[in-house]
Amino acid sequence: MSTLTVPSKSPMPKALSISGIVIAIVLLLLFGLDLAVGFPFSKASMAMDIGFVVAALLLGYLSWSTFREQP
């Protein structure tokens, strides 16, 4: 017979979700500013700015949806 164990309530999944949201906001601000006004990278690569903005939005969405599913 196997017994099922109840997972412990650890604060780590929520902390990882929140850190993902914070990192997404920082990336969005950094590369969004560069895309809009050329600060801090002087619009070195528009394709890279757009790629990082899209990646930051995706990371933010995934982190938010994971955060909402946590008990």
PDB file of N, CA and C in Angstrom:
ATOM      1  N   MET A   1       0.826  -1.173   0.000  1.00  0.00           N
ATOM      2  CA  MET A   1       0.000   0.000   0.000  1.00  0.00           C
ATOM      3  C   MET A   1       0.880   1.250   0.000  1.00  0.00           C
ATOM      4  N   SER A   2       0.523   2.176  -0.839  1.00  0.00           N
ATOM      5  CA  SER A   2       1.249   3.443  -0.846  1.00  0.00           C
ATOM      6  C   SER A   2       0.393   4.500  -0.157  1.00  0.00           C
ATOM      7  N   THR A   3       1.043   5.393   0.498  1.00  0.00           N
ATOM      8  CA  THR A   3       0.325   6.464   1.171  1.00  0.00           C
ATOM      9  C   THR A   3       0.586   7.766   0.445  1.00  0.00           C
ATOM     10  N   LEU A   4      -0.423   8.579   0.393  1.00  0.00           N
ATOM     11  CA  LEU A   4      -0.294   9.883  -0.236  1.00  0.00           C
ATOM     12  C   LEU A   4       0.090  10.905   0.819  1.00  0.00           C
ATOM     13  N   THR A   5       1.014  11.755   0.477  1.00  0.00           N
ATOM     14  CA  THR A   5       1.416  12.800   1.406  1.00  0.00           C
ATOM     15  C   THR A   5       0.875  14.136   0.914  1.00  0.00           C
ATOM     16  N   VAL A   6       0.509  14.949   1.841  1.00  0.00           N
ATOM     17  CA  VAL A   6       0.008  16.279   1.524  1.00  0.00           C
ATOM     18  C   VAL A   6       1.205  17.210   1.428  1.00  0.00           C
ATOM     19  N   PRO A   7       1.320  17.955   0.319  1.00  0.00           N
ATOM     20  CA  PRO A   7       2.458  18.858   0.214  1.00  0.00           C
ATOM     21  C   PRO A   7       2.384  19.961   1.270  1.00  0.00           C
ATOM     22  N   SER A   8       3.540  20.326   1.785  1.00  0.00           N
ATOM     23  CA  SER A   8       3.564  21.356   2.813  1.00  0.00           C
ATOM     24  C   SER A   8       3.339  22.724   2.170  1.00  0.00           C
ATOM     25  N   LYS A   9       2.833  23.625   2.959  1.00  0.00           N
ATOM     26  CA  LYS A   9       2.588  24.979   2.465  1.00  0.00           C
ATOM     27  C   LYS A   9       3.867  25.794   2.612  1.00  0.00           C
ATOM     28  N   SER A  10       4.583  25.885   1.529  1.00  0.00           N
ATOM     29  CA  SER A  10       5.831  26.618   1.521  1.00  0.00           C
ATOM     30  C   SER A  10       5.616  27.980   0.872  1.00  0.00           C
ATOM     31  N   PRO A  11       6.249  29.022   1.383  1.00  0.00           N
ATOM     32  CA  PRO A  11       6.108  30.344   0.771  1.00  0.00           C
ATOM     33  C   PRO A  11       6.960  30.507  -0.492  1.00  0.00           C
ATOM     34  N   MET A  12       7.764  29.491  -0.823  1.00  0.00           N
ATOM     35  CA  MET A  12       8.686  29.618  -1.942  1.00  0.00           C
ATOM     36  C   MET A  12       7.994  29.804  -3.292  1.00  0.00           C
ATOM     37  N   PRO A  13       6.924  29.076  -3.644  1.00  0.00           N
ATOM     38  CA  PRO A  13       6.295  29.306  -4.952  1.00  0.00           C
ATOM     39  C   PRO A  13       5.768  30.731  -5.123  1.00  0.00           C
ATOM     40  N   LYS A  14       5.204  31.304  -4.063  1.00  0.00           N
ATOM     41  CA  LYS A  14       4.728  32.685  -4.164  1.00  0.00           C
ATOM     42  C   LYS A  14       5.889  33.644  -4.310  1.00  0.00           C
ATOM     43  N   ALA A  15       6.976  33.395  -3.612  1.00  0.00           N
ATOM     44  CA  ALA A  15       8.139  34.274  -3.716  1.00  0.00           C
ATOM     45  C   ALA A  15       8.733  34.219  -5.121  1.00  0.00           C
ATOM     46  N   LEU A  16       8.768  33.040  -5.718  1.00  0.00           N
ATOM     47  CA  LEU A  16       9.290  32.923  -7.076  1.00  0.00           C
ATOM     48  C   LEU A  16       8.371  33.605  -8.082  1.00  0.00           C
ATOM     49  N   SER A  17       7.064  33.512  -7.874  1.00  0.00           N
ATOM     50  CA  SER A  17       6.120  34.192  -8.762  1.00  0.00           C
ATOM     51  C   SER A  17       6.264  35.702  -8.658  1.00  0.00           C
ATOM     52  N   ILE A  18       6.387  36.202  -7.451  1.00  0.00           N
ATOM     53  CA  ILE A  18       6.546  37.642  -7.253  1.00  0.00           C
ATOM     54  C   ILE A  18       7.869  38.125  -7.836  1.00  0.00           C
ATOM     55  N   SER A  19       8.932  37.355  -7.679  1.00  0.00           N
ATOM     56  CA  SER A  19      10.206  37.765  -8.263  1.00  0.00           C
ATOM     57  C   SER A  19      10.138  37.756  -9.793  1.00  0.00           C
ATOM     58  N   GLY A  20       9.390  36.842 -10.366  1.00  0.00           N
ATOM     59  CA  GLY A  20       9.198  36.843 -11.814  1.00  0.00           C
ATOM     60  C   GLY A  20       8.456  38.081 -12.282  1.00  0.00           C
ATOM     61  N   ILE A  21       7.448  38.509 -11.522  1.00  0.00           N
ATOM     62  CA  ILE A  21       6.707  39.724 -11.858  1.00  0.00           C
ATOM     63  C   ILE A  21       7.614  40.947 -11.764  1.00  0.00           C
ATOM     64  N   VAL A  22       8.423  41.014 -10.726  1.00  0.00           N
ATOM     65  CA  VAL A  22       9.338  42.154 -10.551  1.00  0.00           C
ATOM     66  C   VAL A  22      10.360  42.206 -11.684  1.00  0.00           C
ATOM     67  N   ILE A  23      10.920  41.063 -12.044  1.00  0.00           N
ATOM     68  CA  ILE A  23      11.897  41.026 -13.133  1.00  0.00           C
ATOM     69  C   ILE A  23      11.239  41.434 -14.451  1.00  0.00           C
ATOM     70  N   ALA A  24      10.006  41.002 -14.669  1.00  0.00           N
ATOM     71  CA  ALA A  24       9.289  41.379 -15.889  1.00  0.00           C
ATOM     72  C   ALA A  24       9.066  42.887 -15.945  1.00  0.00           C
ATOM     73  N   ILE A  25       8.720  43.500 -14.823  1.00  0.00           N
ATOM     74  CA  ILE A  25       8.507  44.951 -14.784  1.00  0.00           C
ATOM     75  C   ILE A  25       9.807  45.691 -15.067  1.00  0.00           C
ATOM     76  N   VAL A  26      10.910  45.226 -14.471  1.00  0.00           N
ATOM     77  CA  VAL A  26      12.207  45.877 -14.696  1.00  0.00           C
ATOM     78  C   VAL A  26      12.610  45.772 -16.169  1.00  0.00           C
ATOM     79  N   LEU A  27      12.466  44.594 -16.756  1.00  0.00           N
ATOM     80  CA  LEU A  27      12.807  44.429 -18.176  1.00  0.00           C
ATOM     81  C   LEU A  27      11.910  45.275 -19.069  1.00  0.00           C
ATOM     82  N   LEU A  28      10.621  45.324 -18.746  1.00  0.00           N
ATOM     83  CA  LEU A  28       9.691  46.115 -19.537  1.00  0.00           C
ATOM     84  C   LEU A  28      10.050  47.597 -19.476  1.00  0.00           C
ATOM     85  N   LEU A  29      10.372  48.103 -18.294  1.00  0.00           N
ATOM     86  CA  LEU A  29      10.766  49.501 -18.172  1.00  0.00           C
ATOM     87  C   LEU A  29      12.073  49.788 -18.898  1.00  0.00           C
ATOM     88  N   LEU A  30      13.054  48.921 -18.716  1.00  0.00           N
ATOM     89  CA  LEU A  30      14.374  49.134 -19.302  1.00  0.00           C
ATOM     90  C   LEU A  30      14.319  49.153 -20.825  1.00  0.00           C
ATOM     91  N   PHE A  31      13.734  48.126 -21.414  1.00  0.00           N
ATOM     92  CA  PHE A  31      13.726  48.040 -22.870  1.00  0.00           C
ATOM     93  C   PHE A  31      12.595  48.854 -23.488  1.00  0.00           C
ATOM     94  N   GLY A  32      11.517  49.101 -22.745  1.00  0.00           N
ATOM     95  CA  GLY A  32      10.475  49.992 -23.232  1.00  0.00           C
ATOM     96  C   GLY A  32      10.965  51.429 -23.321  1.00  0.00           C
ATOM     97  N   LEU A  33      11.724  51.869 -22.319  1.00  0.00           N
ATOM     98  CA  LEU A  33      12.326  53.203 -22.370  1.00  0.00           C
ATOM     99  C   LEU A  33      13.310  53.321 -23.519  1.00  0.00           C
ATOM    100  N   ASP A  34      14.107  52.300 -23.734  1.00  0.00           N
ATOM    101  CA  ASP A  34      15.056  52.345 -24.839  1.00  0.00           C
ATOM    102  C   ASP A  34      14.326  52.399 -26.175  1.00  0.00           C
ATOM    103  N   LEU A  35      13.252  51.674 -26.280  1.00  0.00           N
ATOM    104  CA  LEU A  35      12.473  51.682 -27.520  1.00  0.00           C
ATOM    105  C   LEU A  35      11.805  53.034 -27.744  1.00  0.00           C
ATOM    106  N   ALA A  36      11.317  53.653 -26.671  1.00  0.00           N
ATOM    107  CA  ALA A  36      10.576  54.908 -26.799  1.00  0.00           C
ATOM    108  C   ALA A  36      11.485  56.132 -26.939  1.00  0.00           C
ATOM    109  N   VAL A  37      12.466  56.255 -26.050  1.00  0.00           N
ATOM    110  CA  VAL A  37      13.263  57.493 -26.019  1.00  0.00           C
ATOM    111  C   VAL A  37      14.760  57.278 -26.222  1.00  0.00           C
ATOM    112  N   GLY A  38      15.206  56.054 -26.318  1.00  0.00           N
ATOM    113  CA  GLY A  38      16.629  55.812 -26.555  1.00  0.00           C
ATOM    114  C   GLY A  38      17.498  55.814 -25.314  1.00  0.00           C
ATOM    115  N   PHE A  39      16.894  55.737 -24.154  1.00  0.00           N
ATOM    116  CA  PHE A  39      17.671  55.661 -22.915  1.00  0.00           C
ATOM    117  C   PHE A  39      17.483  54.286 -22.333  1.00  0.00           C
ATOM    118  N   PRO A  40      18.413  53.555 -21.909  1.00  0.00           N
ATOM    119  CA  PRO A  40      19.836  53.772 -21.658  1.00  0.00           C
ATOM    120  C   PRO A  40      20.754  53.218 -22.749  1.00  0.00           C
ATOM    121  N   PHE A  41      20.230  52.560 -23.779  1.00  0.00           N
ATOM    122  CA  PHE A  41      21.094  51.899 -24.753  1.00  0.00           C
ATOM    123  C   PHE A  41      21.191  52.638 -26.079  1.00  0.00           C
ATOM    124  N   SER A  42      20.652  53.836 -26.187  1.00  0.00           N
ATOM    125  CA  SER A  42      20.694  54.666 -27.396  1.00  0.00           C
ATOM    126  C   SER A  42      20.132  53.952 -28.617  1.00  0.00           C
ATOM    127  N   LYS A  43      19.070  53.190 -28.425  1.00  0.00           N
ATOM    128  CA  LYS A  43      18.397  52.454 -29.508  1.00  0.00           C
ATOM    129  C   LYS A  43      19.390  51.654 -30.347  1.00  0.00           C
ATOM    130  N   ALA A  44      20.231  50.891 -29.675  1.00  0.00           N
ATOM    131  CA  ALA A  44      21.257  50.113 -30.376  1.00  0.00           C
ATOM    132  C   ALA A  44      20.639  49.104 -31.335  1.00  0.00           C
ATOM    133  N   SER A  45      19.566  48.432 -30.928  1.00  0.00           N
ATOM    134  CA  SER A  45      18.921  47.450 -31.791  1.00  0.00           C
ATOM    135  C   SER A  45      17.423  47.444 -31.505  1.00  0.00           C
ATOM    136  N   MET A  46      16.647  47.902 -32.470  1.00  0.00           N
ATOM    137  CA  MET A  46      15.202  47.964 -32.280  1.00  0.00           C
ATOM    138  C   MET A  46      14.599  46.562 -32.195  1.00  0.00           C
ATOM    139  N   ALA A  47      15.141  45.630 -32.968  1.00  0.00           N
ATOM    140  CA  ALA A  47      14.631  44.255 -32.931  1.00  0.00           C
ATOM    141  C   ALA A  47      14.854  43.632 -31.555  1.00  0.00           C
ATOM    142  N   MET A  48      15.995  43.906 -30.953  1.00  0.00           N
ATOM    143  CA  MET A  48      16.274  43.362 -29.625  1.00  0.00           C
ATOM    144  C   MET A  48      15.349  44.001 -28.584  1.00  0.00           C
ATOM    145  N   ASP A  49      15.106  45.311 -28.714  1.00  0.00           N
ATOM    146  CA  ASP A  49      14.192  45.979 -27.787  1.00  0.00           C
ATOM    147  C   ASP A  49      12.788  45.379 -27.869  1.00  0.00           C
ATOM    148  N   ILE A  50      12.304  45.180 -29.074  1.00  0.00           N
ATOM    149  CA  ILE A  50      10.974  44.601 -29.255  1.00  0.00           C
ATOM    150  C   ILE A  50      10.929  43.174 -28.713  1.00  0.00           C
ATOM    151  N   GLY A  51      11.978  42.399 -28.968  1.00  0.00           N
ATOM    152  CA  GLY A  51      12.034  41.027 -28.467  1.00  0.00           C
ATOM    153  C   GLY A  51      12.016  40.968 -26.948  1.00  0.00           C
ATOM    154  N   PHE A  52      12.772  41.852 -26.308  1.00  0.00           N
ATOM    155  CA  PHE A  52      12.798  41.851 -24.846  1.00  0.00           C
ATOM    156  C   PHE A  52      11.487  42.365 -24.256  1.00  0.00           C
ATOM    157  N   VAL A  53      10.834  43.309 -24.910  1.00  0.00           N
ATOM    158  CA  VAL A  53       9.534  43.782 -24.425  1.00  0.00           C
ATOM    159  C   VAL A  53       8.505  42.656 -24.501  1.00  0.00           C
ATOM    160  N   VAL A  54       8.505  41.925 -25.612  1.00  0.00           N
ATOM    161  CA  VAL A  54       7.581  40.798 -25.754  1.00  0.00           C
ATOM    162  C   VAL A  54       7.893  39.718 -24.714  1.00  0.00           C
ATOM    163  N   ALA A  55       9.181  39.427 -24.506  1.00  0.00           N
ATOM    164  CA  ALA A  55       9.568  38.428 -23.507  1.00  0.00           C
ATOM    165  C   ALA A  55       9.179  38.874 -22.097  1.00  0.00           C
ATOM    166  N   ALA A  56       9.324  40.158 -21.793  1.00  0.00           N
ATOM    167  CA  ALA A  56       8.943  40.670 -20.476  1.00  0.00           C
ATOM    168  C   ALA A  56       7.432  40.563 -20.269  1.00  0.00           C
ATOM    169  N   LEU A  57       6.655  40.862 -21.315  1.00  0.00           N
ATOM    170  CA  LEU A  57       5.202  40.725 -21.199  1.00  0.00           C
ATOM    171  C   LEU A  57       4.801  39.271 -20.989  1.00  0.00           C
ATOM    172  N   LEU A  58       5.451  38.371 -21.693  1.00  0.00           N
ATOM    173  CA  LEU A  58       5.165  36.946 -21.539  1.00  0.00           C
ATOM    174  C   LEU A  58       5.542  36.458 -20.140  1.00  0.00           C
ATOM    175  N   LEU A  59       6.710  36.864 -19.661  1.00  0.00           N
ATOM    176  CA  LEU A  59       7.130  36.483 -18.309  1.00  0.00           C
ATOM    177  C   LEU A  59       6.174  37.035 -17.267  1.00  0.00           C
ATOM    178  N   GLY A  60       5.749  38.275 -17.438  1.00  0.00           N
ATOM    179  CA  GLY A  60       4.803  38.878 -16.499  1.00  0.00           C
ATOM    180  C   GLY A  60       3.474  38.144 -16.475  1.00  0.00           C
ATOM    181  N   TYR A  61       2.972  37.782 -17.662  1.00  0.00           N
ATOM    182  CA  TYR A  61       1.709  37.051 -17.716  1.00  0.00           C
ATOM    183  C   TYR A  61       1.832  35.673 -17.058  1.00  0.00           C
ATOM    184  N   LEU A  62       2.888  34.948 -17.379  1.00  0.00           N
ATOM    185  CA  LEU A  62       3.058  33.612 -16.801  1.00  0.00           C
ATOM    186  C   LEU A  62       3.251  33.674 -15.284  1.00  0.00           C
ATOM    187  N   SER A  63       4.007  34.663 -14.815  1.00  0.00           N
ATOM    188  CA  SER A  63       4.210  34.801 -13.372  1.00  0.00           C
ATOM    189  C   SER A  63       2.913  35.167 -12.671  1.00  0.00           C
ATOM    190  N   TRP A  64       2.134  36.059 -13.284  1.00  0.00           N
ATOM    191  CA  TRP A  64       0.857  36.469 -12.681  1.00  0.00           C
ATOM    192  C   TRP A  64      -0.125  35.303 -12.616  1.00  0.00           C
ATOM    193  N   SER A  65      -0.218  34.542 -13.698  1.00  0.00           N
ATOM    194  CA  SER A  65      -1.169  33.430 -13.688  1.00  0.00           C
ATOM    195  C   SER A  65      -0.731  32.341 -12.708  1.00  0.00           C
ATOM    196  N   THR A  66       0.559  32.132 -12.564  1.00  0.00           N
ATOM    197  CA  THR A  66       1.056  31.175 -11.569  1.00  0.00           C
ATOM    198  C   THR A  66       0.788  31.674 -10.160  1.00  0.00           C
ATOM    199  N   PHE A  67       0.975  32.973  -9.938  1.00  0.00           N
ATOM    200  CA  PHE A  67       0.726  33.551  -8.622  1.00  0.00           C
ATOM    201  C   PHE A  67      -0.734  33.400  -8.212  1.00  0.00           C
ATOM    202  N   ARG A  68      -1.656  33.577  -9.172  1.00  0.00           N
ATOM    203  CA  ARG A  68      -3.091  33.450  -8.866  1.00  0.00           C
ATOM    204  C   ARG A  68      -3.472  32.020  -8.541  1.00  0.00           C
ATOM    205  N   GLU A  69      -2.771  31.041  -9.060  1.00  0.00           N
ATOM    206  CA  GLU A  69      -3.109  29.634  -8.811  1.00  0.00           C
ATOM    207  C   GLU A  69      -2.573  29.105  -7.490  1.00  0.00           C
ATOM    208  N   GLN A  70      -1.690  29.848  -6.846  1.00  0.00           N
ATOM    209  CA  GLN A  70      -1.111  29.391  -5.582  1.00  0.00           C
ATOM    210  C   GLN A  70      -2.143  29.481  -4.469  1.00  0.00           C
ATOM    211  N   PRO A  71      -2.163  28.480  -3.588  1.00  0.00           N
ATOM    212  CA  PRO A  71      -3.138  28.507  -2.480  1.00  0.00           C
ATOM    213  C   PRO A  71      -2.784  29.534  -1.418  1.00  0.00           C
TER     214      PRO A  71
END
